[in-house]
N, C-alpha and C. Protein backbone atom coordinates (compact mmCIF):
# COMPACT_ATOMS: atom_id res chain seq x y z
N UNK A 1 -35.83 -106.43 -71.49
CA UNK A 1 -34.65 -105.01 -72.14
C UNK A 1 -33.93 -105.25 -71.02
N UNK A 2 -32.41 -104.90 -71.53
CA UNK A 2 -31.32 -104.72 -70.93
C UNK A 2 -31.04 -103.27 -70.58
N UNK A 3 -30.50 -103.11 -69.55
CA UNK A 3 -29.96 -101.71 -68.84
C UNK A 3 -28.45 -101.74 -68.89
N UNK A 4 -28.03 -100.41 -68.74
CA UNK A 4 -26.77 -100.10 -68.37
C UNK A 4 -26.61 -98.99 -67.28
N UNK A 5 -25.39 -98.85 -67.39
CA UNK A 5 -25.51 -97.27 -65.86
C UNK A 5 -25.60 -96.18 -66.91
N UNK A 6 -25.82 -96.00 -68.36
CA UNK A 6 -25.92 -94.84 -69.08
C UNK A 6 -27.85 -94.56 -69.04
N UNK A 7 -28.33 -95.74 -68.77
CA UNK A 7 -29.73 -95.61 -69.13
C UNK A 7 -30.52 -94.67 -68.09
N UNK A 8 -31.17 -93.65 -68.26
CA UNK A 8 -31.75 -92.41 -67.39
C UNK A 8 -32.63 -93.00 -66.45
N UNK A 9 -32.84 -92.18 -65.53
CA UNK A 9 -33.92 -92.96 -64.61
C UNK A 9 -35.19 -92.57 -64.90
N UNK A 10 -35.09 -91.62 -65.69
CA UNK A 10 -36.82 -91.64 -66.17
C UNK A 10 -37.31 -92.59 -67.23
N UNK A 11 -35.98 -93.37 -68.01
CA UNK A 11 -36.38 -94.35 -68.89
C UNK A 11 -36.67 -95.68 -67.90
N UNK A 12 -35.95 -95.74 -66.73
CA UNK A 12 -35.87 -97.01 -65.67
C UNK A 12 -37.57 -96.82 -65.42
N UNK A 13 -37.57 -95.49 -64.76
CA UNK A 13 -39.24 -95.37 -64.30
C UNK A 13 -40.41 -95.87 -65.07
N UNK A 14 -40.02 -95.73 -66.62
CA UNK A 14 -40.78 -95.99 -67.67
C UNK A 14 -40.89 -97.43 -67.53
N UNK A 15 -39.95 -98.30 -67.33
CA UNK A 15 -40.14 -99.67 -67.45
C UNK A 15 -40.64 -99.81 -66.25
N UNK A 16 -40.50 -99.42 -65.28
CA UNK A 16 -41.18 -99.80 -63.74
C UNK A 16 -42.60 -99.63 -63.80
N UNK A 17 -43.03 -98.62 -64.54
CA UNK A 17 -44.77 -98.85 -64.75
C UNK A 17 -44.97 -99.89 -65.59
N UNK A 18 -44.56 -100.53 -66.03
CA UNK A 18 -44.60 -101.51 -66.77
C UNK A 18 -44.38 -103.11 -66.07
N UNK A 19 -44.20 -102.83 -64.73
CA UNK A 19 -43.36 -103.83 -63.94
C UNK A 19 -42.16 -104.57 -64.11
N UNK A 20 -41.36 -103.66 -64.58
CA UNK A 20 -39.97 -104.31 -64.67
C UNK A 20 -39.24 -104.29 -63.45
N UNK A 21 -38.85 -105.26 -62.75
CA UNK A 21 -38.25 -105.42 -61.64
C UNK A 21 -36.83 -105.20 -61.52
N UNK A 22 -36.25 -105.31 -62.79
CA UNK A 22 -34.75 -105.21 -63.11
C UNK A 22 -34.44 -103.63 -63.24
N UNK A 23 -35.66 -102.83 -63.72
CA UNK A 23 -35.48 -101.41 -63.73
C UNK A 23 -35.49 -100.96 -62.27
N UNK A 24 -36.23 -101.48 -61.49
CA UNK A 24 -36.78 -100.95 -60.32
C UNK A 24 -35.30 -101.35 -59.50
N UNK A 25 -34.76 -102.08 -59.56
CA UNK A 25 -33.31 -102.74 -58.98
C UNK A 25 -32.38 -101.90 -59.41
N UNK A 26 -32.21 -101.26 -60.42
CA UNK A 26 -31.23 -100.17 -60.58
C UNK A 26 -31.42 -99.14 -59.90
N UNK A 27 -32.69 -98.66 -60.10
CA UNK A 27 -33.05 -97.13 -59.52
C UNK A 27 -32.69 -97.15 -57.85
N UNK A 28 -33.25 -98.33 -57.29
CA UNK A 28 -32.94 -98.76 -55.83
C UNK A 28 -31.33 -98.44 -55.67
N UNK A 29 -30.58 -99.55 -56.59
CA UNK A 29 -28.98 -99.21 -56.21
C UNK A 29 -28.53 -97.76 -56.48
N UNK A 30 -29.04 -96.91 -57.08
CA UNK A 30 -28.58 -95.51 -57.53
C UNK A 30 -29.10 -95.06 -56.30
N UNK A 31 -30.22 -94.79 -55.81
CA UNK A 31 -30.76 -93.81 -54.76
C UNK A 31 -30.67 -94.31 -53.56
N UNK A 32 -30.39 -95.70 -53.04
CA UNK A 32 -30.78 -96.04 -51.73
C UNK A 32 -29.80 -95.44 -50.59
N UNK A 33 -28.54 -95.32 -51.07
CA UNK A 33 -27.40 -94.77 -50.09
C UNK A 33 -27.90 -93.15 -49.99
N UNK A 34 -28.45 -92.26 -50.88
CA UNK A 34 -28.24 -91.06 -50.40
C UNK A 34 -29.46 -90.77 -50.07
N UNK A 35 -30.53 -91.46 -50.47
CA UNK A 35 -31.75 -91.28 -49.50
C UNK A 35 -31.80 -91.75 -48.07
N UNK A 36 -31.13 -92.77 -47.74
CA UNK A 36 -30.85 -93.24 -46.54
C UNK A 36 -30.18 -92.33 -45.79
N UNK A 37 -29.14 -91.35 -46.16
CA UNK A 37 -28.25 -90.47 -45.47
C UNK A 37 -29.40 -89.34 -45.15
N UNK A 38 -29.97 -88.93 -46.06
CA UNK A 38 -31.37 -87.86 -46.23
C UNK A 38 -31.96 -88.48 -45.01
N UNK A 39 -32.83 -89.78 -44.99
CA UNK A 39 -33.63 -89.93 -43.77
C UNK A 39 -33.06 -89.83 -42.30
N UNK A 40 -31.48 -90.26 -42.29
CA UNK A 40 -30.65 -90.38 -41.12
C UNK A 40 -30.83 -88.91 -40.52
N UNK A 41 -30.30 -87.73 -41.29
CA UNK A 41 -30.32 -86.45 -40.65
C UNK A 41 -31.48 -85.72 -40.59
N UNK A 42 -32.52 -86.38 -41.37
CA UNK A 42 -34.02 -85.84 -41.01
C UNK A 42 -34.60 -86.25 -39.74
N UNK A 43 -34.02 -87.64 -39.43
CA UNK A 43 -35.03 -87.95 -38.41
C UNK A 43 -33.84 -88.21 -37.14
N UNK A 44 -32.81 -87.49 -37.10
CA UNK A 44 -31.80 -87.11 -35.98
C UNK A 44 -30.83 -88.59 -35.98
N UNK A 45 -30.59 -89.04 -36.90
CA UNK A 45 -29.72 -90.30 -36.72
C UNK A 45 -30.55 -91.57 -36.36
N UNK A 46 -31.73 -91.63 -36.46
CA UNK A 46 -32.52 -92.89 -36.10
C UNK A 46 -32.35 -93.89 -37.19
N UNK A 47 -31.49 -94.79 -36.69
CA UNK A 47 -31.02 -95.65 -38.11
C UNK A 47 -32.39 -96.64 -38.31
N UNK A 48 -33.07 -97.15 -37.35
CA UNK A 48 -33.90 -98.15 -37.82
C UNK A 48 -35.08 -97.45 -38.60
N UNK A 49 -35.58 -96.31 -37.82
CA UNK A 49 -36.43 -95.67 -38.84
C UNK A 49 -36.01 -95.16 -39.99
N UNK A 50 -34.74 -94.77 -40.34
CA UNK A 50 -34.42 -94.35 -41.53
C UNK A 50 -34.60 -95.68 -42.60
N UNK A 51 -34.17 -96.63 -42.07
CA UNK A 51 -34.10 -98.03 -43.13
C UNK A 51 -35.52 -98.52 -43.52
N UNK A 52 -36.61 -98.20 -42.27
CA UNK A 52 -37.98 -98.35 -42.71
C UNK A 52 -38.53 -97.36 -43.73
N UNK A 53 -38.24 -96.20 -43.83
CA UNK A 53 -38.62 -95.23 -44.27
C UNK A 53 -37.94 -95.19 -45.87
N UNK A 54 -36.40 -95.54 -45.95
CA UNK A 54 -36.50 -96.06 -46.89
C UNK A 54 -36.64 -97.06 -47.70
N UNK A 55 -37.26 -98.12 -47.14
CA UNK A 55 -38.09 -99.22 -47.94
C UNK A 55 -39.61 -98.90 -48.36
N UNK A 56 -40.30 -97.98 -47.33
CA UNK A 56 -41.48 -97.36 -47.80
C UNK A 56 -41.46 -96.67 -48.95
N UNK A 57 -40.27 -95.58 -48.83
CA UNK A 57 -39.91 -94.62 -50.08
C UNK A 57 -40.10 -95.77 -51.27
N UNK A 58 -39.44 -96.76 -51.33
CA UNK A 58 -39.48 -97.81 -52.80
C UNK A 58 -40.72 -98.40 -53.05
N UNK A 59 -41.46 -98.94 -51.89
CA UNK A 59 -42.83 -99.42 -51.86
C UNK A 59 -43.96 -98.26 -52.55
N UNK A 60 -43.90 -97.20 -52.00
CA UNK A 60 -44.84 -96.18 -52.45
C UNK A 60 -44.08 -95.88 -53.94
N UNK A 61 -43.10 -96.23 -54.40
CA UNK A 61 -42.71 -96.09 -55.62
C UNK A 61 -43.55 -96.94 -56.70
N UNK A 62 -43.14 -98.02 -56.01
CA UNK A 62 -44.01 -99.08 -56.90
C UNK A 62 -45.07 -99.04 -57.05
N UNK A 63 -45.98 -98.69 -55.68
CA UNK A 63 -47.32 -98.62 -55.66
C UNK A 63 -47.75 -97.59 -56.65
N UNK A 64 -47.15 -96.49 -56.65
CA UNK A 64 -47.75 -95.41 -57.53
C UNK A 64 -47.08 -95.01 -58.59
N UNK A 65 -46.48 -96.01 -59.27
CA UNK A 65 -45.50 -95.78 -60.40
C UNK A 65 -46.49 -95.42 -61.42
N UNK A 66 -47.78 -95.57 -61.49
CA UNK A 66 -48.44 -95.49 -62.69
C UNK A 66 -48.91 -93.52 -62.57
N UNK A 67 -48.73 -93.28 -61.31
CA UNK A 67 -48.86 -91.61 -61.09
C UNK A 67 -47.77 -90.62 -61.42
N UNK A 68 -46.51 -91.49 -61.92
CA UNK A 68 -45.28 -90.66 -62.35
C UNK A 68 -45.51 -90.56 -63.67
N UNK A 69 -45.14 -88.92 -63.77
CA UNK A 69 -45.22 -87.97 -65.25
C UNK A 69 -43.91 -88.07 -65.77
N UNK A 70 -43.70 -88.70 -66.81
CA UNK A 70 -42.38 -88.71 -67.46
C UNK A 70 -41.69 -87.43 -68.02
N UNK A 71 -42.53 -86.26 -68.05
CA UNK A 71 -41.97 -84.95 -67.95
C UNK A 71 -41.45 -84.70 -66.97
N UNK A 72 -41.49 -85.17 -65.63
CA UNK A 72 -40.83 -84.50 -64.64
C UNK A 72 -39.93 -85.69 -64.06
N UNK A 73 -38.44 -84.83 -63.71
CA UNK A 73 -37.52 -85.43 -62.98
C UNK A 73 -37.71 -86.58 -62.42
N UNK A 74 -37.32 -87.48 -62.33
CA UNK A 74 -37.16 -88.81 -61.45
C UNK A 74 -36.70 -88.31 -59.88
N UNK A 75 -35.54 -87.96 -59.94
CA UNK A 75 -35.25 -87.69 -58.62
C UNK A 75 -36.12 -86.94 -57.91
N UNK A 76 -36.71 -85.65 -58.42
CA UNK A 76 -37.49 -84.85 -57.88
C UNK A 76 -39.01 -85.43 -57.46
N UNK A 77 -39.21 -86.41 -58.20
CA UNK A 77 -40.50 -87.30 -57.96
C UNK A 77 -40.19 -88.34 -56.80
N UNK A 78 -39.05 -88.62 -56.47
CA UNK A 78 -38.41 -89.50 -55.67
C UNK A 78 -38.15 -88.77 -54.27
N UNK A 79 -37.86 -87.87 -54.24
CA UNK A 79 -37.64 -86.70 -53.12
C UNK A 79 -38.65 -86.23 -52.44
N UNK A 80 -39.81 -85.99 -53.46
CA UNK A 80 -40.96 -85.60 -52.82
C UNK A 80 -41.61 -86.73 -52.12
N UNK A 81 -41.42 -87.99 -52.61
CA UNK A 81 -42.07 -89.17 -51.47
C UNK A 81 -41.39 -89.08 -50.54
N UNK A 82 -39.94 -89.00 -50.17
CA UNK A 82 -39.06 -89.05 -49.12
C UNK A 82 -39.37 -87.87 -48.26
N UNK A 83 -39.72 -86.52 -48.84
CA UNK A 83 -40.03 -85.65 -48.13
C UNK A 83 -41.27 -85.68 -47.16
N UNK A 84 -42.24 -86.24 -47.98
CA UNK A 84 -43.65 -86.35 -47.30
C UNK A 84 -43.73 -87.41 -46.32
N UNK A 85 -42.88 -88.44 -46.37
CA UNK A 85 -42.74 -89.50 -45.41
C UNK A 85 -42.35 -88.67 -44.21
N UNK A 86 -41.29 -88.12 -44.54
CA UNK A 86 -40.49 -87.58 -43.20
C UNK A 86 -41.85 -86.22 -42.47
N UNK A 87 -42.27 -85.73 -43.31
CA UNK A 87 -43.34 -84.92 -42.76
C UNK A 87 -44.29 -85.61 -42.06
N UNK A 88 -44.68 -86.97 -42.41
CA UNK A 88 -45.53 -87.78 -41.84
C UNK A 88 -44.86 -88.28 -40.52
N UNK A 89 -43.99 -88.75 -40.47
CA UNK A 89 -42.92 -89.11 -39.19
C UNK A 89 -43.18 -88.07 -38.14
N UNK A 90 -42.77 -86.76 -38.41
CA UNK A 90 -42.86 -85.78 -37.81
C UNK A 90 -43.98 -85.39 -36.96
N UNK A 91 -45.33 -85.43 -37.86
CA UNK A 91 -46.56 -85.35 -37.35
C UNK A 91 -46.91 -86.85 -36.24
N UNK A 92 -46.33 -87.62 -36.77
CA UNK A 92 -46.53 -88.97 -36.15
C UNK A 92 -45.95 -88.95 -34.33
N UNK A 93 -44.81 -88.19 -34.54
CA UNK A 93 -43.99 -88.05 -33.24
C UNK A 93 -44.38 -87.15 -32.48
N UNK A 94 -44.93 -86.06 -33.23
CA UNK A 94 -45.48 -84.71 -32.50
C UNK A 94 -44.24 -84.12 -31.95
N UNK A 95 -43.17 -84.42 -32.57
CA UNK A 95 -42.10 -83.61 -32.12
C UNK A 95 -41.60 -82.61 -33.34
N UNK A 96 -41.24 -81.65 -33.15
CA UNK A 96 -40.87 -80.59 -34.16
C UNK A 96 -39.64 -79.69 -33.96
N UNK A 97 -38.93 -79.70 -33.02
CA UNK A 97 -37.47 -79.33 -32.81
C UNK A 97 -36.69 -79.84 -32.14
N UNK A 98 -36.65 -81.14 -31.77
CA UNK A 98 -35.61 -82.08 -30.63
C UNK A 98 -35.13 -82.96 -31.65
N UNK A 99 -34.13 -82.71 -32.13
CA UNK A 99 -33.35 -83.63 -32.65
C UNK A 99 -31.81 -84.02 -32.09
N UNK A 100 -31.58 -85.30 -32.01
CA UNK A 100 -29.79 -85.26 -31.74
C UNK A 100 -28.93 -85.86 -32.96
N UNK A 101 -28.09 -85.40 -32.68
CA UNK A 101 -26.87 -85.81 -33.67
C UNK A 101 -26.05 -86.87 -32.74
N UNK A 102 -25.85 -87.46 -33.99
CA UNK A 102 -25.11 -88.91 -33.40
C UNK A 102 -23.79 -89.15 -34.20
N UNK A 103 -22.63 -89.81 -33.90
CA UNK A 103 -21.69 -89.99 -34.76
C UNK A 103 -21.76 -90.67 -35.93
N UNK A 104 -22.61 -91.45 -36.11
CA UNK A 104 -22.83 -91.98 -37.76
C UNK A 104 -23.61 -91.09 -38.66
N UNK A 105 -24.41 -90.34 -38.07
CA UNK A 105 -24.56 -88.99 -39.10
C UNK A 105 -23.56 -88.21 -39.73
N UNK A 106 -22.86 -88.06 -38.85
CA UNK A 106 -21.49 -86.99 -39.12
C UNK A 106 -20.20 -88.25 -40.00
N UNK A 107 -20.49 -89.30 -40.04
CA UNK A 107 -19.63 -89.96 -41.15
C UNK A 107 -20.26 -90.50 -42.35
N UNK A 108 -21.51 -90.05 -42.56
CA UNK A 108 -22.24 -90.27 -43.65
C UNK A 108 -21.95 -89.13 -44.82
N UNK A 109 -22.29 -89.26 -46.02
CA UNK A 109 -21.89 -88.83 -46.92
C UNK A 109 -22.20 -87.30 -46.65
N UNK A 110 -21.59 -86.39 -46.86
CA UNK A 110 -21.80 -84.72 -47.17
C UNK A 110 -21.39 -83.97 -47.51
N UNK A 111 -21.66 -83.17 -48.39
CA UNK A 111 -20.71 -82.20 -49.36
C UNK A 111 -20.12 -81.03 -48.42
N UNK A 112 -20.45 -81.05 -47.08
CA UNK A 112 -19.68 -80.12 -46.36
C UNK A 112 -18.50 -80.88 -46.07
N UNK A 113 -18.06 -82.17 -46.08
CA UNK A 113 -16.82 -82.46 -45.72
C UNK A 113 -16.39 -83.32 -46.85
N UNK A 114 -16.91 -83.00 -48.06
CA UNK A 114 -15.87 -83.40 -48.94
C UNK A 114 -14.42 -83.32 -49.31
N UNK A 115 -13.77 -82.34 -48.81
CA UNK A 115 -12.61 -81.89 -49.03
C UNK A 115 -11.68 -81.70 -48.22
N UNK A 116 -11.46 -83.06 -47.01
CA UNK A 116 -10.72 -82.84 -46.09
C UNK A 116 -9.42 -82.70 -46.49
N UNK A 117 -8.44 -82.02 -45.98
CA UNK A 117 -7.11 -81.92 -46.26
C UNK A 117 -6.07 -82.97 -45.67
N UNK A 118 -5.17 -83.16 -46.10
CA UNK A 118 -4.06 -84.32 -45.93
C UNK A 118 -3.61 -83.97 -44.33
N UNK A 119 -3.33 -82.49 -43.89
CA UNK A 119 -2.95 -82.16 -42.80
C UNK A 119 -3.84 -82.88 -41.60
N UNK A 120 -3.04 -83.62 -40.85
CA UNK A 120 -4.04 -84.02 -39.81
C UNK A 120 -4.42 -83.40 -38.95
N UNK A 121 -4.05 -81.73 -38.54
CA UNK A 121 -4.73 -80.96 -37.83
C UNK A 121 -5.71 -80.22 -38.52
N UNK A 122 -5.74 -80.15 -39.49
CA UNK A 122 -6.90 -79.54 -40.41
C UNK A 122 -8.28 -80.75 -40.29
N UNK A 123 -7.71 -82.20 -40.62
CA UNK A 123 -8.74 -82.98 -40.46
C UNK A 123 -9.52 -83.16 -39.10
N UNK A 124 -8.73 -82.54 -38.08
CA UNK A 124 -9.56 -82.45 -36.76
C UNK A 124 -10.09 -81.29 -36.50
N UNK A 125 -9.73 -80.16 -37.36
CA UNK A 125 -10.70 -79.13 -37.33
C UNK A 125 -11.73 -79.06 -38.04
N UNK A 126 -11.70 -79.86 -39.31
CA UNK A 126 -12.70 -80.09 -40.11
C UNK A 126 -13.74 -80.78 -39.36
N UNK A 127 -13.27 -81.97 -38.71
CA UNK A 127 -14.35 -82.85 -37.88
C UNK A 127 -15.06 -81.87 -36.92
N UNK A 128 -14.48 -81.30 -36.42
CA UNK A 128 -15.16 -80.23 -35.18
C UNK A 128 -16.04 -79.26 -35.85
N UNK A 129 -15.63 -78.59 -37.20
CA UNK A 129 -16.49 -77.97 -37.90
C UNK A 129 -17.56 -78.55 -38.21
N UNK A 130 -17.49 -79.71 -38.76
CA UNK A 130 -18.73 -80.61 -39.15
C UNK A 130 -19.75 -80.87 -38.41
N UNK A 131 -19.18 -81.11 -36.96
CA UNK A 131 -20.13 -81.55 -35.95
C UNK A 131 -20.69 -80.30 -35.36
N UNK A 132 -20.08 -79.46 -35.51
CA UNK A 132 -20.62 -77.99 -35.14
C UNK A 132 -21.74 -77.30 -35.91
N UNK A 133 -21.92 -77.54 -37.24
CA UNK A 133 -22.65 -77.52 -38.26
C UNK A 133 -23.85 -78.34 -38.07
N UNK A 134 -23.79 -80.03 -37.51
CA UNK A 134 -24.84 -80.39 -37.23
C UNK A 134 -25.65 -80.44 -36.23
N UNK A 135 -24.77 -79.65 -35.27
CA UNK A 135 -25.33 -79.30 -33.80
C UNK A 135 -26.28 -78.20 -34.16
N UNK A 136 -25.92 -77.29 -35.12
CA UNK A 136 -26.51 -76.06 -35.47
C UNK A 136 -27.91 -76.55 -36.03
N UNK A 137 -27.88 -77.47 -37.29
CA UNK A 137 -29.07 -77.89 -37.87
C UNK A 137 -30.01 -78.60 -36.71
N UNK A 138 -29.14 -79.21 -36.15
CA UNK A 138 -30.46 -79.97 -34.94
C UNK A 138 -31.19 -79.11 -34.49
N UNK A 139 -30.91 -77.71 -34.30
CA UNK A 139 -32.04 -76.88 -33.62
C UNK A 139 -33.08 -75.81 -34.52
N UNK A 140 -32.89 -76.40 -36.12
CA UNK A 140 -33.66 -75.91 -37.12
C UNK A 140 -34.80 -76.82 -36.85
N UNK A 141 -35.83 -76.19 -37.57
CA UNK A 141 -37.13 -76.98 -37.51
C UNK A 141 -37.14 -77.88 -38.72
N UNK A 142 -37.90 -78.85 -38.79
CA UNK A 142 -37.66 -79.74 -39.83
C UNK A 142 -37.89 -79.38 -41.22
N UNK A 143 -38.74 -78.45 -41.47
CA UNK A 143 -39.12 -77.53 -42.97
C UNK A 143 -37.50 -77.35 -43.17
N UNK A 144 -36.97 -76.12 -42.27
CA UNK A 144 -35.71 -76.00 -42.79
C UNK A 144 -34.36 -76.55 -42.95
N UNK A 145 -34.68 -77.73 -42.03
CA UNK A 145 -33.57 -78.49 -41.71
C UNK A 145 -33.68 -79.32 -43.16
N UNK A 146 -34.54 -79.70 -43.71
CA UNK A 146 -35.12 -80.40 -45.01
C UNK A 146 -34.38 -79.51 -46.31
N UNK A 147 -34.73 -78.14 -46.27
CA UNK A 147 -34.24 -77.34 -47.59
C UNK A 147 -32.80 -77.46 -47.54
N UNK A 148 -32.15 -77.13 -46.13
CA UNK A 148 -30.73 -77.12 -46.32
C UNK A 148 -30.08 -78.59 -46.59
N UNK A 149 -30.53 -79.91 -46.17
CA UNK A 149 -30.36 -80.94 -46.87
C UNK A 149 -30.44 -81.34 -48.22
N UNK A 150 -31.54 -80.87 -48.64
CA UNK A 150 -32.30 -81.35 -50.08
C UNK A 150 -30.88 -80.22 -50.93
N UNK A 151 -30.86 -79.18 -50.36
CA UNK A 151 -29.78 -78.59 -51.21
C UNK A 151 -28.44 -78.77 -51.06
N UNK A 152 -27.64 -79.05 -50.05
CA UNK A 152 -26.48 -78.96 -49.75
C UNK A 152 -25.69 -80.66 -49.47
N UNK A 153 -26.71 -81.48 -49.31
CA UNK A 153 -26.41 -82.61 -49.02
C UNK A 153 -26.89 -83.49 -49.96
N UNK A 154 -28.11 -83.41 -50.69
CA UNK A 154 -28.35 -83.99 -52.01
C UNK A 154 -28.09 -83.44 -53.07
N UNK A 155 -27.54 -82.01 -53.10
CA UNK A 155 -27.53 -81.18 -54.18
C UNK A 155 -28.21 -81.00 -55.22
N UNK A 156 -29.46 -80.81 -54.79
CA UNK A 156 -31.04 -80.31 -55.71
C UNK A 156 -30.86 -78.96 -55.79
N UNK A 157 -31.10 -78.79 -57.14
CA UNK A 157 -31.59 -77.41 -57.28
C UNK A 157 -32.41 -76.49 -56.72
N UNK A 158 -32.81 -75.26 -56.67
CA UNK A 158 -33.53 -74.44 -55.96
C UNK A 158 -35.10 -74.95 -56.65
N UNK A 159 -35.02 -74.96 -58.05
CA UNK A 159 -36.56 -75.68 -58.44
C UNK A 159 -36.84 -76.88 -58.25
N UNK A 160 -36.45 -77.77 -58.08
CA UNK A 160 -36.26 -79.08 -57.82
C UNK A 160 -37.04 -79.10 -55.97
N UNK A 161 -36.08 -78.27 -55.51
CA UNK A 161 -36.75 -78.33 -53.96
C UNK A 161 -38.16 -77.49 -53.73
N UNK A 162 -38.69 -76.67 -54.73
CA UNK A 162 -39.60 -76.06 -54.66
C UNK A 162 -40.71 -76.89 -54.99
N UNK A 163 -40.44 -77.89 -56.16
CA UNK A 163 -41.42 -78.58 -56.64
C UNK A 163 -41.76 -79.82 -55.14
N UNK A 164 -40.55 -80.40 -54.76
CA UNK A 164 -40.48 -81.44 -53.63
C UNK A 164 -41.23 -80.62 -52.56
N UNK A 165 -41.17 -79.30 -52.01
CA UNK A 165 -41.36 -79.18 -50.53
C UNK A 165 -43.39 -78.38 -50.73
N UNK A 166 -43.18 -77.84 -52.19
CA UNK A 166 -44.48 -77.04 -52.67
C UNK A 166 -44.45 -75.62 -52.19
N UNK A 167 -42.90 -75.12 -52.18
CA UNK A 167 -42.54 -73.87 -51.66
C UNK A 167 -41.92 -73.30 -52.76
N UNK A 168 -42.65 -71.77 -52.89
CA UNK A 168 -42.24 -71.26 -54.23
C UNK A 168 -40.38 -70.80 -54.38
N UNK A 169 -39.95 -71.23 -55.33
CA UNK A 169 -38.69 -71.06 -55.74
C UNK A 169 -37.93 -69.94 -54.83
N UNK A 170 -38.46 -68.45 -55.11
CA UNK A 170 -38.03 -67.33 -54.40
C UNK A 170 -38.07 -67.68 -52.65
N UNK A 171 -39.23 -68.32 -52.31
CA UNK A 171 -39.05 -68.49 -50.71
C UNK A 171 -37.91 -69.53 -50.34
N UNK A 172 -38.02 -70.51 -51.08
CA UNK A 172 -36.57 -71.44 -51.12
C UNK A 172 -35.45 -70.73 -50.68
N UNK A 173 -35.19 -69.77 -51.84
CA UNK A 173 -33.80 -68.94 -51.83
C UNK A 173 -33.76 -68.59 -50.52
N UNK A 174 -34.71 -67.44 -50.40
CA UNK A 174 -34.71 -66.76 -49.17
C UNK A 174 -34.52 -67.71 -48.02
N UNK A 175 -35.01 -68.55 -47.80
CA UNK A 175 -34.91 -69.55 -46.53
C UNK A 175 -33.50 -70.08 -46.51
N UNK A 176 -33.13 -70.55 -47.56
CA UNK A 176 -31.72 -71.13 -47.53
C UNK A 176 -30.79 -69.87 -47.33
N UNK A 177 -30.78 -68.63 -47.77
CA UNK A 177 -29.92 -67.52 -47.58
C UNK A 177 -29.98 -67.20 -45.87
N UNK A 178 -31.10 -67.43 -45.30
CA UNK A 178 -31.42 -66.89 -43.65
C UNK A 178 -31.10 -68.07 -42.92
N UNK A 179 -31.00 -69.27 -43.39
CA UNK A 179 -30.47 -70.56 -42.88
C UNK A 179 -28.77 -70.63 -42.84
N UNK A 180 -28.41 -70.17 -44.20
CA UNK A 180 -26.96 -69.85 -44.14
C UNK A 180 -26.25 -68.92 -43.05
N UNK A 181 -27.10 -67.57 -43.30
CA UNK A 181 -26.70 -66.69 -42.58
C UNK A 181 -26.38 -67.09 -40.87
N UNK A 182 -27.70 -67.50 -40.64
CA UNK A 182 -27.67 -68.13 -39.15
C UNK A 182 -26.49 -69.03 -38.85
N UNK A 183 -26.31 -70.01 -39.76
CA UNK A 183 -25.23 -70.81 -39.53
C UNK A 183 -23.90 -70.08 -39.50
N UNK A 184 -23.59 -69.24 -40.54
CA UNK A 184 -22.63 -68.46 -40.43
C UNK A 184 -22.09 -67.68 -39.29
N UNK A 185 -23.03 -67.25 -38.59
CA UNK A 185 -23.13 -66.25 -37.19
C UNK A 185 -22.68 -67.34 -36.13
N UNK A 186 -23.59 -68.35 -36.10
CA UNK A 186 -23.28 -69.62 -35.00
C UNK A 186 -21.96 -70.27 -35.13
N UNK A 187 -21.34 -70.23 -36.33
CA UNK A 187 -20.13 -70.89 -36.26
C UNK A 187 -18.92 -69.91 -36.60
N UNK A 188 -18.99 -68.84 -36.63
CA UNK A 188 -18.08 -67.67 -36.62
C UNK A 188 -16.91 -67.91 -35.80
N UNK A 189 -16.94 -68.27 -34.99
CA UNK A 189 -15.77 -68.51 -34.17
C UNK A 189 -14.85 -69.83 -34.71
N UNK A 190 -15.38 -70.43 -35.73
CA UNK A 190 -14.28 -71.32 -36.26
C UNK A 190 -13.30 -70.58 -37.01
N UNK A 191 -13.33 -69.14 -37.61
CA UNK A 191 -12.90 -68.33 -38.29
C UNK A 191 -12.39 -69.40 -39.77
N UNK A 192 -13.26 -69.99 -40.51
CA UNK A 192 -12.86 -70.39 -41.78
C UNK A 192 -12.26 -69.32 -42.80
N UNK A 193 -11.14 -69.01 -42.82
CA UNK A 193 -10.56 -68.17 -43.53
C UNK A 193 -10.15 -69.01 -45.00
N UNK A 194 -10.60 -68.04 -46.02
CA UNK A 194 -10.16 -68.70 -47.35
C UNK A 194 -8.68 -68.59 -47.36
N UNK A 195 -8.09 -69.86 -48.15
CA UNK A 195 -6.65 -69.94 -48.32
C UNK A 195 -5.91 -69.39 -49.58
């Protein structure tokens, strides 16, 4: 079966269930970069472990293709696997609150840094602000950090995040509100006035 850029993720996953490797290749091409960015941030910039977890995500996706329900959005299912791998990694490490930020993380795709101005002074200020945001994220526990990254880096809906994390949608909204408020208070010295 021939696929194109318009073929839905759900259709491709249905083909993966039937052993279609070309469908899996397309899904990998669509999701490997955002997933890798998610893993890097969740794992404090550990590139090697992020790469390993990316591969493990797709191995599990293939191994458990028969468990995928076609009425479920594919990206939600995929991020559920990724989220659970992160939780397992935290348990394995026995570390809950100590993560470092490196320059590679700051350079990867993030919605926070999507609109850098042409003014070089604003560019520097924006980079400093982005770095400060990630320093504050580093201080969050893994669960809160994952909520923030799923919402603002991966642009998933509240409902998708609730399904991925197993946390009620209202609780997700509340936690995101408190995280945003904490970040706003911690970063208030930047005086990011709207123009």
